[in-house]
């Protein structure tokens, strides 16, 4: 069940509640909560989401502040990014196929003498421009990859340094506590407390 309350978190999800049902204590199913987040991502307005889904605006405001809302929103955005990335990759692949075909076989031109389309080799200027554009994009991707790696390694190094400093501080606290003085106690023979001889 989508909830920030730990006792309700692992309960089975409720059945989908009819839209507009009135009741003192309202419970919504996980599918309705996910639908609310999805609708909010599309519309960007809680009032419109409330009107569309027949859920109280106050309930939506409480949900929006909860941790599960943020998790669902992040997951939906990730899915959307992956779908967009897949579509863009498909477009890029088709574009590269067209460019490759043109580079190998030439551009289509209309031959006025024969009245037909024929292939004319790509000019040196166009081939150079294509090569430069692809080189720049490739360098940008490599730079972005290197930057991401260096940022993540910098974060790791910073975290390790912070942990090392914290361990050193704890170790110094343990060693800097005043030592307990232990004095040797010598028992001498005292007439009052002398052991009895048998």
N, C-alpha and C. Protein backbone atom coordinates (compact mmCIF):
# COMPACT_ATOMS: atom_id res chain seq x y z
N UNK A 1 0.84 -1.17 0.00
CA UNK A 1 0.00 0.00 0.00
C UNK A 1 0.88 1.23 0.00
N UNK A 2 0.58 2.21 -0.81
CA UNK A 2 1.35 3.45 -0.86
C UNK A 2 1.01 4.29 0.36
N UNK A 3 1.96 4.36 1.29
CA UNK A 3 1.73 5.10 2.53
C UNK A 3 3.07 5.41 3.16
N UNK A 4 3.14 6.53 3.90
CA UNK A 4 4.34 6.84 4.67
C UNK A 4 4.24 6.25 6.07
N UNK A 5 3.05 5.81 6.46
CA UNK A 5 2.82 5.22 7.76
C UNK A 5 3.36 3.80 7.75
N UNK A 6 4.30 3.50 8.65
CA UNK A 6 4.96 2.20 8.62
C UNK A 6 4.01 1.05 8.93
N UNK A 7 2.97 1.28 9.74
CA UNK A 7 2.06 0.17 10.05
C UNK A 7 1.16 -0.15 8.87
N UNK A 8 0.88 0.83 8.00
CA UNK A 8 0.01 0.60 6.84
C UNK A 8 0.79 0.26 5.58
N UNK A 9 2.09 0.46 5.62
CA UNK A 9 2.90 0.35 4.41
C UNK A 9 2.84 -1.04 3.78
N UNK A 10 2.77 -2.07 4.60
CA UNK A 10 2.83 -3.43 4.08
C UNK A 10 1.46 -4.13 4.07
N UNK A 11 0.42 -3.35 4.30
CA UNK A 11 -0.92 -3.92 4.22
C UNK A 11 -1.29 -4.09 2.75
N UNK A 12 -2.18 -5.06 2.46
CA UNK A 12 -2.60 -5.22 1.06
C UNK A 12 -3.34 -3.98 0.59
N UNK A 13 -3.22 -3.68 -0.70
CA UNK A 13 -3.87 -2.50 -1.26
C UNK A 13 -5.38 -2.67 -1.24
N UNK A 14 -6.07 -1.57 -1.11
CA UNK A 14 -7.53 -1.59 -1.05
C UNK A 14 -8.10 -1.66 -2.45
N UNK A 15 -9.39 -2.04 -2.52
CA UNK A 15 -10.07 -2.04 -3.81
C UNK A 15 -10.26 -0.61 -4.27
N UNK A 16 -10.34 -0.46 -5.56
CA UNK A 16 -10.54 0.88 -6.12
C UNK A 16 -11.88 1.42 -5.67
N UNK A 17 -11.86 2.60 -5.13
CA UNK A 17 -13.05 3.22 -4.58
C UNK A 17 -13.77 3.99 -5.67
N UNK A 18 -15.10 3.91 -5.75
CA UNK A 18 -15.82 4.64 -6.78
C UNK A 18 -15.59 6.14 -6.69
N UNK A 19 -15.48 6.79 -7.84
CA UNK A 19 -15.23 8.24 -7.87
C UNK A 19 -16.40 8.97 -7.23
N UNK A 20 -16.09 9.95 -6.40
CA UNK A 20 -17.11 10.79 -5.80
C UNK A 20 -17.84 10.16 -4.63
N UNK A 21 -17.40 8.97 -4.18
CA UNK A 21 -18.07 8.33 -3.05
C UNK A 21 -17.82 9.14 -1.80
N UNK A 22 -18.86 9.38 -1.04
CA UNK A 22 -18.74 10.20 0.15
C UNK A 22 -18.66 9.29 1.36
N UNK A 23 -17.77 9.61 2.26
CA UNK A 23 -17.63 8.82 3.47
C UNK A 23 -16.82 9.59 4.48
N UNK A 24 -16.95 9.21 5.76
CA UNK A 24 -16.22 9.95 6.79
C UNK A 24 -14.72 9.76 6.65
N UNK A 25 -14.30 8.51 6.56
CA UNK A 25 -12.87 8.24 6.42
C UNK A 25 -12.67 7.60 5.05
N UNK A 26 -11.98 8.30 4.20
CA UNK A 26 -11.82 7.85 2.82
C UNK A 26 -10.48 7.15 2.65
N UNK A 27 -10.52 6.03 1.98
CA UNK A 27 -9.29 5.30 1.66
C UNK A 27 -9.27 5.08 0.16
N UNK A 28 -8.13 5.29 -0.44
CA UNK A 28 -7.99 5.15 -1.88
C UNK A 28 -7.03 4.02 -2.19
N UNK A 29 -7.24 3.36 -3.31
CA UNK A 29 -6.36 2.27 -3.72
C UNK A 29 -5.05 2.83 -4.25
N UNK A 30 -4.06 1.96 -4.34
CA UNK A 30 -2.76 2.36 -4.90
C UNK A 30 -2.91 2.83 -6.34
N UNK A 31 -3.79 2.16 -7.10
CA UNK A 31 -3.96 2.55 -8.50
C UNK A 31 -4.52 3.97 -8.60
N UNK A 32 -5.39 4.36 -7.67
CA UNK A 32 -5.92 5.72 -7.69
C UNK A 32 -4.84 6.73 -7.32
N UNK A 33 -3.98 6.35 -6.39
CA UNK A 33 -2.89 7.25 -5.99
C UNK A 33 -1.90 7.44 -7.15
N UNK A 34 -1.58 6.33 -7.82
CA UNK A 34 -0.66 6.42 -8.96
C UNK A 34 -1.30 7.23 -10.09
N UNK A 35 -2.61 7.04 -10.29
CA UNK A 35 -3.34 7.81 -11.29
C UNK A 35 -3.30 9.30 -10.96
N UNK A 36 -3.39 9.64 -9.67
CA UNK A 36 -3.32 11.04 -9.25
C UNK A 36 -1.95 11.64 -9.57
N UNK A 37 -0.89 10.89 -9.28
CA UNK A 37 0.46 11.38 -9.58
C UNK A 37 0.65 11.55 -11.09
N UNK A 38 0.20 10.55 -11.86
CA UNK A 38 0.33 10.61 -13.31
C UNK A 38 -0.44 11.80 -13.89
N UNK A 39 -1.66 11.98 -13.41
CA UNK A 39 -2.47 13.09 -13.90
C UNK A 39 -1.83 14.43 -13.53
N UNK A 40 -1.27 14.50 -12.33
CA UNK A 40 -0.59 15.74 -11.92
C UNK A 40 0.62 16.02 -12.82
N UNK A 41 1.36 14.98 -13.17
CA UNK A 41 2.52 15.18 -14.05
C UNK A 41 2.09 15.69 -15.43
N UNK A 42 0.92 15.23 -15.89
CA UNK A 42 0.44 15.68 -17.21
C UNK A 42 -0.13 17.09 -17.14
N UNK A 43 -0.90 17.39 -16.08
CA UNK A 43 -1.60 18.67 -16.00
C UNK A 43 -0.82 19.74 -15.24
N UNK A 44 -0.08 19.32 -14.23
CA UNK A 44 0.70 20.27 -13.44
C UNK A 44 -0.13 21.14 -12.51
N UNK A 45 -1.38 20.72 -12.21
CA UNK A 45 -2.26 21.54 -11.39
C UNK A 45 -3.11 20.62 -10.51
N UNK A 46 -2.99 20.76 -9.17
CA UNK A 46 -3.72 19.89 -8.26
C UNK A 46 -5.23 20.12 -8.33
N UNK A 47 -5.67 21.35 -8.56
CA UNK A 47 -7.10 21.62 -8.65
C UNK A 47 -7.73 20.87 -9.82
N UNK A 48 -7.04 20.86 -10.95
CA UNK A 48 -7.55 20.14 -12.11
C UNK A 48 -7.56 18.63 -11.86
N UNK A 49 -6.52 18.13 -11.16
CA UNK A 49 -6.46 16.71 -10.83
C UNK A 49 -7.64 16.35 -9.92
N UNK A 50 -7.90 17.21 -8.92
CA UNK A 50 -9.01 16.97 -7.99
C UNK A 50 -10.34 16.92 -8.74
N UNK A 51 -10.53 17.84 -9.68
CA UNK A 51 -11.78 17.88 -10.44
C UNK A 51 -11.92 16.66 -11.34
N UNK A 52 -10.83 16.25 -11.97
CA UNK A 52 -10.89 15.11 -12.90
C UNK A 52 -11.13 13.79 -12.18
N UNK A 53 -10.40 13.59 -11.06
CA UNK A 53 -10.43 12.29 -10.39
C UNK A 53 -11.42 12.25 -9.23
N UNK A 54 -12.08 13.37 -8.94
CA UNK A 54 -13.05 13.45 -7.84
C UNK A 54 -12.41 13.07 -6.50
N UNK A 55 -11.21 13.61 -6.29
CA UNK A 55 -10.48 13.42 -5.03
C UNK A 55 -10.34 14.81 -4.41
N UNK A 56 -10.52 14.89 -3.11
CA UNK A 56 -10.44 16.17 -2.41
C UNK A 56 -9.08 16.84 -2.65
N UNK A 57 -9.10 18.15 -2.86
CA UNK A 57 -7.86 18.90 -3.07
C UNK A 57 -6.97 18.82 -1.84
N UNK A 58 -7.57 18.78 -0.65
CA UNK A 58 -6.78 18.68 0.59
C UNK A 58 -6.08 17.33 0.67
N UNK A 59 -6.76 16.28 0.25
CA UNK A 59 -6.14 14.95 0.22
C UNK A 59 -4.95 14.95 -0.73
N UNK A 60 -5.14 15.56 -1.90
CA UNK A 60 -4.05 15.63 -2.88
C UNK A 60 -2.86 16.43 -2.34
N UNK A 61 -3.14 17.51 -1.61
CA UNK A 61 -2.05 18.31 -1.03
C UNK A 61 -1.26 17.51 -0.01
N UNK A 62 -1.98 16.72 0.80
CA UNK A 62 -1.30 15.87 1.79
C UNK A 62 -0.47 14.81 1.07
N UNK A 63 -1.06 14.18 0.06
CA UNK A 63 -0.34 13.16 -0.70
C UNK A 63 0.92 13.73 -1.34
N UNK A 64 0.80 14.93 -1.91
CA UNK A 64 1.92 15.53 -2.64
C UNK A 64 3.13 15.76 -1.73
N UNK A 65 2.89 15.96 -0.44
CA UNK A 65 3.99 16.18 0.51
C UNK A 65 4.58 14.87 1.02
N UNK A 66 3.90 13.76 0.75
CA UNK A 66 4.35 12.48 1.30
C UNK A 66 5.52 11.91 0.50
N UNK A 67 6.21 11.01 1.14
CA UNK A 67 7.40 10.39 0.54
C UNK A 67 7.03 9.48 -0.62
N UNK A 68 5.93 8.72 -0.48
CA UNK A 68 5.55 7.79 -1.55
C UNK A 68 5.22 8.55 -2.83
N UNK A 69 4.64 9.77 -2.75
CA UNK A 69 4.33 10.58 -3.93
C UNK A 69 5.62 10.89 -4.68
N UNK A 70 6.64 11.31 -3.92
CA UNK A 70 7.93 11.65 -4.54
C UNK A 70 8.54 10.42 -5.22
N UNK A 71 8.43 9.25 -4.56
CA UNK A 71 8.97 8.02 -5.15
C UNK A 71 8.25 7.66 -6.45
N UNK A 72 6.91 7.73 -6.43
CA UNK A 72 6.13 7.41 -7.63
C UNK A 72 6.43 8.41 -8.73
N UNK A 73 6.51 9.70 -8.37
CA UNK A 73 6.80 10.74 -9.37
C UNK A 73 8.17 10.52 -10.00
N UNK A 74 9.16 10.17 -9.16
CA UNK A 74 10.51 9.92 -9.69
C UNK A 74 10.50 8.71 -10.62
N UNK A 75 9.79 7.64 -10.23
CA UNK A 75 9.71 6.44 -11.07
C UNK A 75 9.02 6.74 -12.40
N UNK A 76 7.93 7.52 -12.35
CA UNK A 76 7.22 7.85 -13.59
C UNK A 76 8.09 8.71 -14.50
N UNK A 77 8.80 9.66 -13.91
CA UNK A 77 9.69 10.51 -14.72
C UNK A 77 10.81 9.67 -15.34
N UNK A 78 11.33 8.71 -14.59
CA UNK A 78 12.38 7.84 -15.11
C UNK A 78 11.86 7.02 -16.28
N UNK A 79 10.64 6.45 -16.13
CA UNK A 79 10.04 5.70 -17.23
C UNK A 79 9.85 6.58 -18.46
N UNK A 80 9.38 7.81 -18.22
CA UNK A 80 9.15 8.74 -19.34
C UNK A 80 10.47 9.07 -20.03
N UNK A 81 11.51 9.29 -19.22
CA UNK A 81 12.83 9.59 -19.79
C UNK A 81 13.34 8.41 -20.61
N UNK A 82 13.13 7.19 -20.11
CA UNK A 82 13.58 6.00 -20.84
C UNK A 82 12.84 5.85 -22.16
N UNK A 83 11.52 6.10 -22.13
CA UNK A 83 10.74 6.00 -23.38
C UNK A 83 11.20 7.06 -24.37
N UNK A 84 11.40 8.27 -23.88
CA UNK A 84 11.86 9.35 -24.75
C UNK A 84 13.24 9.02 -25.30
N UNK A 85 14.11 8.51 -24.44
CA UNK A 85 15.46 8.14 -24.87
C UNK A 85 15.41 7.06 -25.94
N UNK A 86 14.50 6.09 -25.77
CA UNK A 86 14.36 5.01 -26.76
C UNK A 86 13.90 5.58 -28.10
N UNK A 87 12.92 6.49 -28.06
CA UNK A 87 12.41 7.09 -29.30
C UNK A 87 13.49 7.94 -29.97
N UNK A 88 14.22 8.72 -29.16
CA UNK A 88 15.29 9.54 -29.72
C UNK A 88 16.38 8.66 -30.33
N UNK A 89 16.68 7.55 -29.66
CA UNK A 89 17.70 6.63 -30.20
C UNK A 89 17.25 6.07 -31.54
N UNK A 90 15.96 5.77 -31.66
CA UNK A 90 15.42 5.27 -32.93
C UNK A 90 15.56 6.32 -34.03
N UNK A 91 15.25 7.58 -33.70
CA UNK A 91 15.37 8.67 -34.67
C UNK A 91 16.83 8.86 -35.07
N UNK A 92 17.71 8.83 -34.09
CA UNK A 92 19.14 8.99 -34.37
C UNK A 92 19.62 7.87 -35.28
N UNK A 93 19.21 6.64 -35.01
CA UNK A 93 19.65 5.51 -35.84
C UNK A 93 19.17 5.65 -37.29
N UNK A 94 17.90 6.05 -37.46
CA UNK A 94 17.39 6.24 -38.82
C UNK A 94 18.12 7.38 -39.52
N UNK A 95 18.39 8.46 -38.77
CA UNK A 95 19.12 9.59 -39.36
C UNK A 95 20.52 9.16 -39.79
N UNK A 96 21.17 8.38 -38.95
CA UNK A 96 22.52 7.91 -39.30
C UNK A 96 22.48 7.01 -40.53
N UNK A 97 21.43 6.19 -40.65
CA UNK A 97 21.28 5.35 -41.85
C UNK A 97 21.16 6.20 -43.10
N UNK A 98 20.36 7.28 -43.03
CA UNK A 98 20.18 8.17 -44.18
C UNK A 98 21.49 8.86 -44.53
N UNK A 99 22.20 9.35 -43.51
CA UNK A 99 23.48 10.03 -43.75
C UNK A 99 24.47 9.06 -44.37
N UNK A 100 24.52 7.84 -43.83
CA UNK A 100 25.45 6.85 -44.36
C UNK A 100 25.13 6.52 -45.82
N UNK A 101 23.83 6.37 -46.13
CA UNK A 101 23.42 6.09 -47.50
C UNK A 101 23.83 7.24 -48.43
N UNK A 102 23.60 8.46 -47.99
CA UNK A 102 23.96 9.62 -48.83
C UNK A 102 25.47 9.71 -49.05
N UNK A 103 26.21 9.42 -47.99
CA UNK A 103 27.67 9.50 -48.11
C UNK A 103 28.18 8.43 -49.09
N UNK A 104 27.59 7.25 -49.08
CA UNK A 104 28.05 6.18 -49.95
C UNK A 104 27.54 6.33 -51.39
N UNK A 105 26.25 6.66 -51.53
CA UNK A 105 25.63 6.64 -52.86
C UNK A 105 25.37 8.03 -53.44
N UNK A 106 25.50 9.06 -52.65
CA UNK A 106 25.29 10.42 -53.15
C UNK A 106 23.88 10.94 -52.91
N UNK A 107 23.70 12.24 -53.16
CA UNK A 107 22.40 12.90 -53.00
C UNK A 107 21.52 12.63 -54.22
N UNK A 108 20.21 12.70 -54.00
CA UNK A 108 19.27 12.60 -55.11
C UNK A 108 19.17 13.96 -55.80
N UNK A 109 19.31 13.95 -57.13
CA UNK A 109 19.12 15.18 -57.92
C UNK A 109 18.26 14.85 -59.14
N UNK A 110 17.54 15.85 -59.59
CA UNK A 110 16.68 15.66 -60.76
C UNK A 110 17.49 16.00 -62.01
N UNK A 111 17.57 15.06 -62.92
CA UNK A 111 18.28 15.26 -64.18
C UNK A 111 17.27 15.77 -65.21
N UNK A 112 17.42 17.05 -65.60
CA UNK A 112 16.46 17.66 -66.52
C UNK A 112 16.54 17.05 -67.92
N UNK A 113 17.70 16.57 -68.32
CA UNK A 113 17.85 16.00 -69.66
C UNK A 113 17.08 14.69 -69.78
N UNK A 114 17.21 13.82 -68.79
CA UNK A 114 16.55 12.51 -68.86
C UNK A 114 15.18 12.52 -68.19
N UNK A 115 14.94 13.51 -67.33
CA UNK A 115 13.67 13.58 -66.61
C UNK A 115 13.57 12.56 -65.48
N UNK A 116 14.71 12.10 -65.01
CA UNK A 116 14.72 11.10 -63.93
C UNK A 116 15.59 11.59 -62.77
N UNK A 117 15.39 10.94 -61.62
CA UNK A 117 16.23 11.21 -60.45
C UNK A 117 17.49 10.36 -60.56
N UNK A 118 18.61 10.95 -60.24
CA UNK A 118 19.87 10.20 -60.22
C UNK A 118 20.65 10.58 -58.97
N UNK A 119 21.68 9.84 -58.69
CA UNK A 119 22.49 10.10 -57.50
C UNK A 119 23.74 10.85 -57.91
N UNK A 120 23.99 11.94 -57.19
CA UNK A 120 25.20 12.74 -57.42
C UNK A 120 26.08 12.64 -56.19
N UNK A 121 27.36 12.37 -56.34
CA UNK A 121 28.24 12.25 -55.16
C UNK A 121 28.13 13.49 -54.27
N UNK A 122 28.21 13.26 -52.96
CA UNK A 122 28.13 14.35 -51.98
C UNK A 122 29.35 15.24 -52.14
N UNK A 123 29.11 16.54 -52.07
CA UNK A 123 30.23 17.49 -52.23
C UNK A 123 31.18 17.39 -51.04
N UNK A 124 32.41 17.80 -51.28
CA UNK A 124 33.43 17.76 -50.24
C UNK A 124 33.03 18.64 -49.06
N UNK A 125 32.42 19.80 -49.34
CA UNK A 125 32.00 20.71 -48.28
C UNK A 125 30.95 20.06 -47.38
N UNK A 126 29.95 19.38 -47.97
CA UNK A 126 28.91 18.72 -47.18
C UNK A 126 29.48 17.56 -46.38
N UNK A 127 30.38 16.78 -46.99
CA UNK A 127 31.00 15.65 -46.28
C UNK A 127 31.81 16.16 -45.09
N UNK A 128 32.53 17.27 -45.28
CA UNK A 128 33.32 17.85 -44.21
C UNK A 128 32.42 18.33 -43.07
N UNK A 129 31.31 18.98 -43.42
CA UNK A 129 30.38 19.48 -42.40
C UNK A 129 29.80 18.32 -41.58
N UNK A 130 29.40 17.25 -42.25
CA UNK A 130 28.86 16.08 -41.55
C UNK A 130 29.90 15.52 -40.59
N UNK A 131 31.14 15.38 -41.10
CA UNK A 131 32.21 14.84 -40.27
C UNK A 131 32.47 15.71 -39.04
N UNK A 132 32.49 17.04 -39.22
CA UNK A 132 32.74 17.96 -38.11
C UNK A 132 31.61 17.91 -37.09
N UNK A 133 30.36 17.87 -37.55
CA UNK A 133 29.21 17.80 -36.64
C UNK A 133 29.26 16.54 -35.78
N UNK A 134 29.54 15.40 -36.44
CA UNK A 134 29.60 14.15 -35.69
C UNK A 134 30.77 14.15 -34.72
N UNK A 135 31.89 14.74 -35.12
CA UNK A 135 33.05 14.80 -34.22
C UNK A 135 32.74 15.63 -32.98
N UNK A 136 32.06 16.79 -33.19
CA UNK A 136 31.71 17.63 -32.05
C UNK A 136 30.76 16.92 -31.11
N UNK A 137 29.75 16.24 -31.65
CA UNK A 137 28.78 15.53 -30.80
C UNK A 137 29.47 14.41 -30.02
N UNK A 138 30.38 13.73 -30.71
CA UNK A 138 31.10 12.63 -30.04
C UNK A 138 31.94 13.16 -28.89
N UNK A 139 32.64 14.29 -29.12
CA UNK A 139 33.45 14.89 -28.06
C UNK A 139 32.59 15.33 -26.89
N UNK A 140 31.40 15.90 -27.19
CA UNK A 140 30.48 16.31 -26.12
C UNK A 140 30.06 15.12 -25.27
N UNK A 141 29.74 14.01 -25.94
CA UNK A 141 29.33 12.81 -25.21
C UNK A 141 30.46 12.27 -24.34
N UNK A 142 31.68 12.26 -24.90
CA UNK A 142 32.83 11.77 -24.15
C UNK A 142 33.09 12.69 -22.96
N UNK A 143 33.03 14.02 -23.19
CA UNK A 143 33.25 14.98 -22.10
C UNK A 143 32.20 14.81 -21.01
N UNK A 144 30.94 14.64 -21.40
CA UNK A 144 29.86 14.47 -20.43
C UNK A 144 30.08 13.20 -19.63
N UNK A 145 30.52 12.13 -20.31
CA UNK A 145 30.78 10.86 -19.62
C UNK A 145 31.91 11.02 -18.62
N UNK A 146 32.99 11.69 -19.04
CA UNK A 146 34.14 11.91 -18.16
C UNK A 146 33.73 12.77 -16.97
N UNK A 147 32.92 13.82 -17.24
CA UNK A 147 32.46 14.71 -16.16
C UNK A 147 31.62 13.94 -15.16
N UNK A 148 30.71 13.09 -15.66
CA UNK A 148 29.88 12.29 -14.75
C UNK A 148 30.73 11.36 -13.91
N UNK A 149 31.74 10.74 -14.53
CA UNK A 149 32.60 9.83 -13.78
C UNK A 149 33.40 10.59 -12.74
N UNK A 150 33.93 11.78 -13.11
CA UNK A 150 34.73 12.54 -12.16
C UNK A 150 33.87 13.07 -11.02
N UNK A 151 32.62 13.46 -11.33
CA UNK A 151 31.73 13.93 -10.28
C UNK A 151 31.45 12.80 -9.30
N UNK A 152 31.14 11.61 -9.83
CA UNK A 152 30.84 10.50 -8.94
C UNK A 152 32.08 10.09 -8.15
N UNK A 153 33.27 10.09 -8.76
CA UNK A 153 34.47 9.73 -8.01
C UNK A 153 34.80 10.81 -7.00
N UNK A 154 34.53 12.09 -7.33
CA UNK A 154 34.74 13.17 -6.36
C UNK A 154 33.82 13.00 -5.17
N UNK A 155 32.57 12.62 -5.43
CA UNK A 155 31.62 12.40 -4.33
C UNK A 155 32.08 11.26 -3.44
N UNK A 156 32.57 10.19 -4.07
CA UNK A 156 33.04 9.04 -3.29
C UNK A 156 34.24 9.44 -2.44
N UNK A 157 35.19 10.17 -3.05
CA UNK A 157 36.36 10.60 -2.30
C UNK A 157 35.97 11.52 -1.15
N UNK A 158 35.03 12.42 -1.39
CA UNK A 158 34.57 13.33 -0.34
C UNK A 158 33.91 12.56 0.79
N UNK A 159 33.08 11.57 0.44
CA UNK A 159 32.42 10.75 1.45
C UNK A 159 33.44 9.97 2.27
N UNK A 160 34.43 9.38 1.60
CA UNK A 160 35.47 8.64 2.31
C UNK A 160 36.28 9.55 3.23
N UNK A 161 36.58 10.76 2.75
CA UNK A 161 37.32 11.72 3.58
C UNK A 161 36.51 12.11 4.81
N UNK A 162 35.21 12.33 4.62
CA UNK A 162 34.33 12.69 5.73
C UNK A 162 34.29 11.56 6.76
N UNK A 163 34.18 10.32 6.26
CA UNK A 163 34.17 9.16 7.17
C UNK A 163 35.50 9.04 7.92
N UNK A 164 36.61 9.23 7.21
CA UNK A 164 37.92 9.14 7.86
C UNK A 164 38.06 10.20 8.95
N UNK A 165 37.61 11.42 8.65
CA UNK A 165 37.68 12.50 9.65
C UNK A 165 36.82 12.16 10.87
N UNK A 166 35.64 11.61 10.61
CA UNK A 166 34.73 11.26 11.71
C UNK A 166 35.33 10.15 12.57
N UNK A 167 35.93 9.13 11.92
CA UNK A 167 36.57 8.05 12.68
C UNK A 167 37.74 8.59 13.49
N UNK A 168 38.51 9.50 12.91
CA UNK A 168 39.64 10.08 13.63
C UNK A 168 39.15 10.87 14.84
N UNK A 169 38.05 11.60 14.67
CA UNK A 169 37.50 12.39 15.78
C UNK A 169 37.04 11.47 16.90
N UNK A 170 36.37 10.37 16.53
CA UNK A 170 35.90 9.42 17.55
C UNK A 170 37.09 8.77 18.26
N UNK A 171 38.11 8.41 17.50
CA UNK A 171 39.30 7.79 18.10
C UNK A 171 39.98 8.76 19.05
N UNK A 172 40.05 10.04 18.67
CA UNK A 172 40.67 11.04 19.54
C UNK A 172 39.87 11.23 20.82
N UNK A 173 38.55 11.17 20.73
CA UNK A 173 37.72 11.30 21.93
C UNK A 173 37.98 10.15 22.89
N UNK A 174 38.12 8.96 22.33
CA UNK A 174 38.35 7.78 23.17
C UNK A 174 39.71 7.88 23.85
N UNK A 175 40.74 8.29 23.11
CA UNK A 175 42.08 8.35 23.68
C UNK A 175 42.30 9.58 24.54
N UNK A 176 41.51 10.62 24.36
CA UNK A 176 41.74 11.85 25.13
C UNK A 176 40.98 11.86 26.44
N UNK A 177 40.22 10.83 26.75
CA UNK A 177 39.53 10.77 28.04
C UNK A 177 40.59 10.64 29.13
N UNK A 178 40.37 11.31 30.24
CA UNK A 178 41.38 11.23 31.30
C UNK A 178 41.54 9.79 31.78
N UNK A 179 42.76 9.41 31.92
CA UNK A 179 43.05 8.05 32.36
C UNK A 179 42.71 7.92 33.84
N UNK A 180 42.23 6.79 34.22
CA UNK A 180 41.92 6.52 35.62
C UNK A 180 43.22 6.18 36.32
N UNK A 181 43.48 6.89 37.41
CA UNK A 181 44.71 6.62 38.14
C UNK A 181 44.52 5.40 39.02
N UNK A 182 45.44 4.52 38.91
CA UNK A 182 45.41 3.32 39.73
C UNK A 182 46.60 3.39 40.66
N UNK A 183 46.32 3.27 41.90
CA UNK A 183 47.43 3.28 42.86
C UNK A 183 47.54 1.90 43.48
N UNK A 184 48.73 1.52 43.69
CA UNK A 184 48.95 0.21 44.30
C UNK A 184 48.62 0.30 45.78
N UNK A 185 47.95 -0.67 46.24
CA UNK A 185 47.62 -0.73 47.66
C UNK A 185 48.46 -1.85 48.27
N UNK A 186 49.23 -1.48 49.24
CA UNK A 186 50.07 -2.46 49.91
C UNK A 186 49.48 -2.75 51.28
N UNK A 187 49.31 -3.96 51.51
CA UNK A 187 48.80 -4.34 52.82
C UNK A 187 49.99 -4.61 53.72
N UNK A 188 50.04 -3.85 54.78
CA UNK A 188 51.11 -4.08 55.76
C UNK A 188 50.55 -4.85 56.93
N UNK A 189 51.42 -5.29 57.74
CA UNK A 189 50.93 -6.02 58.90
C UNK A 189 50.53 -5.03 59.96
N UNK A 190 49.30 -5.05 60.25
CA UNK A 190 48.77 -4.17 61.28
C UNK A 190 48.29 -5.07 62.40
N UNK A 191 48.53 -4.69 63.55
CA UNK A 191 48.15 -5.58 64.66
C UNK A 191 46.68 -5.79 64.75
N UNK A 192 45.90 -4.79 64.38
CA UNK A 192 44.45 -4.95 64.44
C UNK A 192 43.92 -5.83 63.33
N UNK A 193 44.56 -5.77 62.17
CA UNK A 193 44.05 -6.48 61.02
C UNK A 193 44.98 -7.60 60.56
N UNK A 194 45.86 -8.00 61.37
CA UNK A 194 46.80 -9.04 60.99
C UNK A 194 46.08 -10.38 60.89
N UNK A 195 46.45 -11.16 59.90
CA UNK A 195 45.81 -12.46 59.78
C UNK A 195 46.17 -13.36 60.96
N UNK A 196 45.23 -14.17 61.30
CA UNK A 196 45.45 -15.06 62.44
C UNK A 196 46.33 -16.23 62.04
N UNK A 197 47.23 -16.57 62.93
CA UNK A 197 48.12 -17.71 62.65
C UNK A 197 47.52 -18.92 63.31
N UNK A 198 47.53 -19.98 62.56
CA UNK A 198 46.98 -21.19 63.15
C UNK A 198 48.03 -22.11 63.65
